[in-house]
Protein backbone atom coordinates (compact mmCIF):
# COMPACT_ATOMS: atom_id res chain seq x y z
CA MET A 1 194.27 -6.28 23.96
CA PHE A 2 191.10 -4.50 25.03
CA ASN A 3 188.61 -6.94 26.62
CA ASN A 4 185.03 -5.72 25.88
CA LYS A 5 183.42 -8.31 28.12
CA LYS A 6 185.62 -7.46 31.08
CA PHE A 7 184.79 -3.80 30.57
CA GLU A 8 181.04 -4.55 30.59
CA TYR A 9 181.40 -6.50 33.84
CA THR A 10 183.34 -3.65 35.33
CA ILE A 11 180.67 -1.10 34.47
CA LEU A 12 177.93 -3.36 35.83
CA ALA A 13 179.81 -3.88 39.08
CA SER A 14 180.32 -0.18 39.45
CA CYS A 15 176.62 0.54 39.12
CA LEU A 16 175.73 -2.13 41.66
CA ALA A 17 178.28 -0.74 44.08
CA VAL A 18 176.81 2.71 43.84
CA LEU A 19 173.24 1.51 44.25
CA LEU A 20 173.77 -1.11 46.94
CA GLY A 21 177.07 -0.84 48.61
CA CYS A 22 178.33 2.69 49.00
CA GLY A 23 175.98 3.79 51.78
CA SER A 24 176.85 0.73 53.94
CA GLY A 25 180.59 0.94 53.63
CA ALA A 26 180.92 -2.07 51.21
CA SER A 27 183.59 -2.10 48.49
CA VAL A 28 183.73 -3.93 45.19
CA ASN A 29 186.85 -5.68 43.96
CA THR A 30 187.07 -4.83 40.31
CA ASP A 31 189.73 -3.64 37.99
CA THR A 32 188.16 -0.14 38.09
CA GLU A 33 188.86 1.86 41.24
CA LEU A 34 185.72 2.75 43.20
CA PRO A 35 185.44 4.91 46.29
CA THR A 36 185.38 3.12 49.63
CA ASN A 37 183.81 4.19 52.91
CA ASN A 38 186.87 6.35 53.49
CA ASP A 39 186.13 8.34 50.33
CA GLU A 40 182.49 9.53 50.76
CA ILE A 41 180.35 10.18 47.75
CA THR A 42 178.70 13.54 48.38
CA LYS A 43 175.20 13.84 47.03
CA PRO A 44 174.11 17.36 46.01
CA VAL A 45 171.40 18.61 48.41
CA GLU A 46 168.40 20.22 46.76
CA ASN A 47 166.69 23.20 48.30
CA GLU A 48 163.99 21.87 50.56
CA ASP A 49 160.42 22.91 50.13
CA PRO A 50 159.16 23.80 53.65
CA ASN A 51 155.65 22.90 52.55
CA ASP A 52 156.57 19.50 51.15
CA ASP A 53 155.13 16.83 53.44
CA SER A 54 155.84 13.94 51.07
CA SER A 55 158.63 12.47 53.20
CA GLY A 56 156.25 10.66 55.52
CA ASP A 57 156.86 12.61 58.72
CA ASP A 58 157.36 10.30 61.70
CA GLY A 59 157.19 13.09 64.24
CA SER A 60 160.90 13.80 64.34
CA GLN A 61 160.90 16.16 61.37
CA THR A 62 161.77 19.81 62.03
CA PRO A 63 158.54 21.84 62.29
CA ILE A 64 157.59 23.71 59.15
CA ASP A 65 158.27 27.42 59.41
CA THR A 66 155.15 29.60 59.46
CA PRO A 67 154.92 33.41 59.23
CA ASP A 68 155.39 35.14 62.54
CA ASP A 69 152.14 36.37 64.11
CA SER A 70 153.49 39.90 64.22
CA GLU A 71 154.09 39.77 60.47
CA GLN A 72 150.56 38.55 59.86
CA ASN A 73 149.19 41.38 62.00
CA ASP A 74 151.24 44.13 60.38
CA GLU A 75 148.50 44.91 57.88
CA ASN A 76 145.85 44.93 60.62
CA GLN A 77 147.88 47.04 63.04
CA ILE A 78 145.97 50.06 64.36
CA GLN A 79 147.38 53.38 63.17
CA VAL A 80 148.07 55.74 66.04
CA ILE A 81 146.84 59.26 65.27
CA ASN A 82 148.06 61.92 67.68
CA VAL A 83 147.19 65.24 66.09
CA ASP A 84 149.56 67.07 68.43
CA THR A 85 152.48 65.39 66.63
CA ALA A 86 151.35 66.48 63.16
CA ASP A 87 153.60 68.62 60.97
CA SER A 88 152.56 72.19 61.83
CA THR A 89 153.63 73.49 58.41
CA LEU A 90 150.86 71.52 56.68
CA PRO A 91 147.22 70.63 57.35
CA SER A 92 147.20 68.08 60.14
CA PHE A 93 145.57 65.32 58.08
CA VAL A 94 148.57 65.32 55.73
CA SER A 95 150.65 63.68 58.47
CA PHE A 96 148.28 60.71 58.74
CA ASN A 97 146.48 60.29 55.41
CA ASP A 98 147.67 62.68 52.75
CA THR A 99 144.97 63.13 50.13
CA THR A 100 146.47 66.27 48.63
CA PRO A 101 146.20 66.11 44.81
CA ASP A 102 149.53 65.10 43.26
CA ASP A 103 149.79 68.26 41.15
CA MET A 104 149.06 70.69 43.99
CA ILE A 105 150.72 72.02 47.15
CA TRP A 106 149.56 73.78 50.32
CA GLU A 107 150.63 77.41 50.70
CA LYS A 108 150.31 79.00 54.15
CA VAL A 109 148.10 82.09 54.41
CA ASP A 110 149.76 84.17 57.12
CA SER A 111 146.97 86.74 57.34
CA LEU A 112 144.59 83.97 58.45
CA SER A 113 147.03 82.10 60.68
CA ASP A 114 148.13 82.88 64.23
CA GLU A 115 149.77 81.16 67.19
CA PHE A 116 148.20 83.80 69.46
CA ASN A 117 151.29 84.85 71.33
CA GLU A 118 149.87 88.39 71.25
CA TRP A 119 146.85 90.20 69.90
CA ASP A 120 147.41 91.10 66.23
CA SER A 121 145.13 93.95 65.19
CA THR A 122 146.23 93.55 61.56
CA LYS A 123 144.54 90.15 61.47
CA TRP A 124 141.60 90.18 63.89
CA ILE A 125 138.74 92.42 64.92
CA LYS A 126 136.02 92.15 67.58
CA THR A 127 132.76 92.58 65.68
CA ASN A 128 130.42 91.74 68.57
CA TRP A 129 127.22 91.23 66.63
CA ASN A 130 124.33 90.62 69.01
CA TYR A 131 121.60 88.16 68.10
CA GLY A 132 117.96 89.09 68.43
CA ASP A 133 115.72 87.40 71.00
CA THR A 134 118.61 86.11 73.13
CA PRO A 135 120.20 87.15 76.42
CA VAL A 136 123.53 87.59 74.60
CA ASN A 137 125.50 90.83 74.82
CA MET A 138 128.83 90.77 73.00
CA LEU A 139 131.52 93.03 74.44
CA ASN A 140 135.18 93.72 73.65
CA LYS A 141 136.23 93.03 77.24
CA ASN A 142 135.10 89.41 76.99
CA SER A 143 137.83 88.32 74.55
CA GLY A 144 141.57 88.72 74.26
CA VAL A 145 144.93 87.01 74.00
CA SER A 146 147.03 85.87 76.95
CA GLU A 147 149.33 83.00 77.88
CA GLY A 148 149.54 81.89 74.25
CA HIS A 149 145.79 81.58 73.68
CA LEU A 150 142.93 83.52 72.22
CA TRP A 151 140.07 83.36 74.72
CA ILE A 152 136.39 84.18 74.75
CA LYS A 153 134.71 84.31 78.16
CA ALA A 154 131.05 84.26 79.15
CA THR A 155 130.29 86.39 82.21
CA LEU A 156 127.15 87.35 84.07
CA ASN A 157 125.52 90.77 84.12
CA ASP A 158 123.26 90.52 87.16
CA ASP A 159 121.85 94.06 87.16
CA GLY A 160 118.49 92.82 85.92
CA THR A 161 119.04 93.38 82.20
CA GLU A 162 117.59 90.96 79.69
CA GLN A 163 121.03 90.64 78.09
CA TRP A 164 122.71 88.97 81.04
CA PHE A 165 124.97 86.62 79.03
CA GLU A 166 128.08 88.72 78.30
CA THR A 167 130.43 87.27 75.70
CA SER A 168 132.40 88.23 72.57
CA ARG A 169 133.15 87.48 68.93
CA VAL A 170 136.47 87.57 67.06
CA ARG A 171 136.54 87.78 63.25
CA SER A 172 139.34 87.84 60.71
CA ILE A 173 139.96 91.00 58.74
CA GLY A 174 141.01 88.97 55.73
CA LYS A 175 138.81 86.67 53.65
CA ILE A 176 139.43 83.52 51.66
CA LYS A 177 137.79 81.33 49.05
CA PHE A 178 138.21 77.75 47.80
CA PRO A 179 140.37 75.78 47.32
CA MET A 180 141.56 76.24 50.89
CA TYR A 181 141.91 74.55 54.26
CA THR A 182 141.70 76.04 57.74
CA GLU A 183 141.94 74.44 61.17
CA SER A 184 141.96 75.62 64.77
CA ARG A 185 142.94 73.97 68.05
CA ILE A 186 140.12 74.61 70.51
CA LYS A 187 139.10 73.71 74.05
CA THR A 188 135.47 74.49 74.75
CA ALA A 189 133.81 76.19 77.68
CA HIS A 190 131.72 73.77 79.73
CA ILE A 191 128.51 75.78 79.96
CA SER A 192 125.30 75.47 77.96
CA ALA A 193 126.41 77.57 75.00
CA TYR A 194 127.73 77.14 71.47
CA ASN A 195 131.52 77.19 71.11
CA THR A 196 131.98 78.04 67.44
CA PHE A 197 134.53 78.24 64.67
CA TRP A 198 133.01 79.11 61.32
CA LEU A 199 133.28 80.94 58.00
CA ASN A 200 130.80 83.59 56.88
CA ASN A 201 130.23 86.52 54.59
CA GLY A 202 127.09 88.54 53.97
CA ASP A 203 123.99 89.28 56.01
CA ILE A 204 121.06 87.27 57.29
CA ASN A 205 119.30 87.33 53.91
CA ASN A 206 122.27 86.90 51.56
CA ARG A 207 125.24 84.91 52.75
CA ASP A 208 127.44 81.86 52.42
CA GLU A 209 128.27 80.13 55.72
CA ILE A 210 130.34 77.10 56.73
CA ASP A 211 130.01 76.08 60.37
CA ILE A 212 132.99 73.90 61.26
CA ILE A 213 132.02 73.45 64.90
CA GLU A 214 129.09 74.54 67.04
CA ASN A 215 129.59 72.40 70.14
CA ASN A 216 127.68 72.62 73.39
CA SER A 217 129.55 70.32 75.77
CA ASN A 218 127.12 70.84 78.65
CA PRO A 219 123.53 71.38 77.43
CA SER A 220 120.95 72.31 80.02
CA THR A 221 118.09 70.71 78.10
CA ASP A 222 117.63 67.20 76.76
CA TYR A 223 115.58 66.99 73.60
CA SER A 224 116.00 63.25 73.02
CA ASN A 225 119.55 63.60 71.75
CA PRO A 226 122.00 62.16 74.29
CA ASN A 227 124.78 62.41 71.69
CA TYR A 228 124.55 66.19 71.49
CA PRO A 229 127.51 67.06 73.78
CA TRP A 230 129.85 64.94 71.65
CA GLN A 231 128.98 66.40 68.26
CA MET A 232 130.71 68.97 66.07
CA SER A 233 127.34 70.11 64.62
CA SER A 234 129.00 71.04 61.31
CA GLN A 235 126.71 72.44 58.63
CA TYR A 236 126.38 75.01 55.86
CA PHE A 237 124.01 77.74 54.69
CA VAL A 238 123.57 79.28 51.27
CA VAL A 239 121.07 82.13 51.57
CA LYS A 240 119.94 84.08 48.51
CA ASP A 241 117.28 86.76 48.86
CA GLY A 242 116.10 85.26 52.12
CA VAL A 243 115.74 81.73 50.71
CA THR A 244 117.90 79.29 52.68
CA GLU A 245 119.62 76.10 51.59
CA ARG A 246 121.01 74.23 54.58
CA ALA A 247 122.35 70.77 55.42
CA LYS A 248 124.52 69.14 58.07
CA GLY A 249 127.74 67.15 57.90
CA ASN A 250 127.77 66.31 61.58
CA PHE A 251 130.30 64.12 63.41
CA ASP A 252 130.55 62.58 66.87
CA ASN A 253 134.07 62.56 68.32
CA ARG A 254 133.48 59.08 69.74
CA ASN A 255 133.49 57.85 66.13
CA LEU A 256 137.15 58.66 65.57
CA SER A 257 139.35 55.68 64.71
CA GLU A 258 140.51 53.37 67.48
CA GLY A 259 144.08 54.65 67.20
CA ASN A 260 143.15 58.31 67.65
CA THR A 261 144.40 59.52 71.02
CA LEU A 262 141.44 61.94 71.33
CA LYS A 263 138.70 59.46 70.52
CA GLY A 264 135.85 59.99 72.98
CA VAL A 265 137.64 62.73 74.91
CA LYS A 266 135.18 65.45 75.91
CA TRP A 267 135.48 68.79 74.14
CA ASN A 268 136.08 70.69 77.37
CA GLU A 269 138.68 68.25 78.72
CA ALA A 270 141.31 68.62 75.99
CA TYR A 271 142.20 70.70 72.95
CA HIS A 272 140.71 69.35 69.73
CA VAL A 273 141.75 70.33 66.21
CA VAL A 274 138.77 71.07 63.96
CA GLY A 275 139.14 71.96 60.30
CA ALA A 276 137.50 72.31 56.91
CA TRP A 277 138.83 71.68 53.41
CA TRP A 278 136.70 73.90 51.18
CA LYS A 279 137.43 72.10 47.93
CA ASP A 280 135.29 73.87 45.36
CA GLU A 281 132.05 75.81 44.97
CA HIS A 282 129.98 72.85 46.17
CA ASN A 283 132.10 70.58 48.42
CA VAL A 284 133.50 70.86 51.93
CA GLN A 285 135.26 68.09 53.86
CA PHE A 286 135.38 68.56 57.63
CA TYR A 287 138.20 67.22 59.83
CA LEU A 288 138.61 66.39 63.50
CA ASN A 289 141.95 65.60 65.14
CA GLY A 290 143.61 64.62 61.87
CA GLU A 291 140.74 62.53 60.46
CA PRO A 292 137.88 63.16 58.01
CA ALA A 293 134.77 64.01 60.02
CA GLY A 294 131.74 64.47 57.81
CA SER A 295 131.24 66.40 54.59
CA ILE A 296 128.67 68.51 52.80
CA LYS A 297 127.72 69.07 49.16
CA THR A 298 125.67 72.13 48.26
CA THR A 299 123.10 72.47 45.49
CA GLN A 300 123.67 76.17 44.98
CA PRO A 301 127.31 77.22 44.66
CA PHE A 302 129.35 78.98 47.31
CA THR A 303 130.39 82.21 45.61
CA LEU A 304 131.65 84.54 48.36
CA GLU A 305 135.04 84.90 50.01
CA GLN A 306 134.57 84.31 53.72
CA HIS A 307 135.90 85.50 57.07
CA LEU A 308 137.04 83.21 59.91
CA ILE A 309 135.01 83.67 63.11
CA TRP A 310 134.99 82.42 66.71
CA ASP A 311 132.32 83.17 69.27
CA LEU A 312 130.54 81.82 72.33
CA TRP A 313 126.77 82.31 72.45
CA THR A 314 123.53 80.83 73.67
CA GLN A 315 119.79 80.91 73.14
CA ASP A 316 116.70 79.61 74.86
CA SER A 317 116.21 76.91 72.21
CA SER A 318 116.53 73.16 72.41
CA TRP A 319 118.59 73.03 69.21
CA VAL A 320 121.27 75.16 70.90
CA GLY A 321 121.05 73.14 74.11
CA GLY A 322 119.22 75.65 76.25
CA LEU A 323 120.40 78.53 78.44
CA PRO A 324 123.22 77.99 80.96
CA ASN A 325 122.81 78.25 84.66
CA LYS A 326 123.72 81.81 85.63
CA SER A 327 126.01 80.50 88.35
CA ASP A 328 128.12 78.80 85.66
CA LEU A 329 129.07 82.22 84.30
CA LEU A 330 130.77 83.00 87.60
CA ASP A 331 133.01 79.94 87.41
CA ASP A 332 136.24 80.77 85.57
CA SER A 333 137.14 77.09 85.35
CA ILE A 334 134.30 76.40 82.90
CA ASN A 335 133.12 79.71 81.40
CA THR A 336 135.92 80.27 78.87
CA MET A 337 136.51 79.00 75.34
CA ARG A 338 140.23 78.85 74.47
CA ILE A 339 141.84 78.82 71.01
CA ASP A 340 145.47 77.72 70.94
CA TRP A 341 146.09 78.53 67.28
CA VAL A 342 144.58 78.83 63.82
CA ARG A 343 146.34 77.84 60.58
CA THR A 344 145.12 78.37 57.05
CA TRP A 345 146.39 77.30 53.62
CA ARG A 346 145.54 77.78 49.98
CA LEU A 347 145.81 74.88 47.58
CA LYS A 348 147.96 75.83 44.59
CA SER A 349 148.98 74.11 41.39
CA ILE A 350 152.63 73.13 41.20
């Protein structure tokens, strides 16, 4: 016969055994079999919260895991920008911070690109335009291609002529218009003269002009601008019927990002890559060594296709940096501007 009271006692004893006796090895003598210390009751272990400090830590608790310092610094890690490692099939900035519109691609313009392994007369011409009121005399013999570089050299004519600064200019035969990007890898001469890479079309009274770089790395005059040797001196001109609109988008190469391997390296001590993204009829973004480096926005529109130009010239003006010492023109280690390559692209819709 089923004994209800005995069953109730049995259940009660079982509960007490679980609560009081099982952890200490005690057993309970009832009619219902209970596990002894030889038959452990396994308690399910919940996933521990590493941030839960409710257990009353007595100092022996395993330290709480914290994010590794390297993980915390990942977002703050300095990006290394070495423009010499950039993908040569695309504008250099694409390798480091690609801001190309999603619906467009860069198409290489071969007629305005050259690695300068030899002189290519289908692409380049020596125009040798001489400025007024300067000692500059531009000559074909003062530029050429050798050892994988285009070069422009300043030499001295010491026969008493007023045009004693002999130099040269190289201009593209082809022209281009926005949207486009061009860049050139350049090492400047270290004399008091402008080392230039620029775009131009027209004459003195009617022209569009984009000056990517006009650097004088060794000015002979100081007109209260100690930063002058470091600057690109980028700017633009829109000239219509002799009326000039002009503004600068200048940049100092010491202001490159901390991770840029050419930050603060003098223009004459290494090759620097200078470029311009001519976006539309009003906007140009300049680049230096893979990074944005100043910009300009015109009031009047750029309307003309433009040539690419390099030259080396000087003038007895403080804004150019003054005339070089004539002895500097006899020193082949400093009197030559070198261009390693030029690469140009059009931006096209996909």
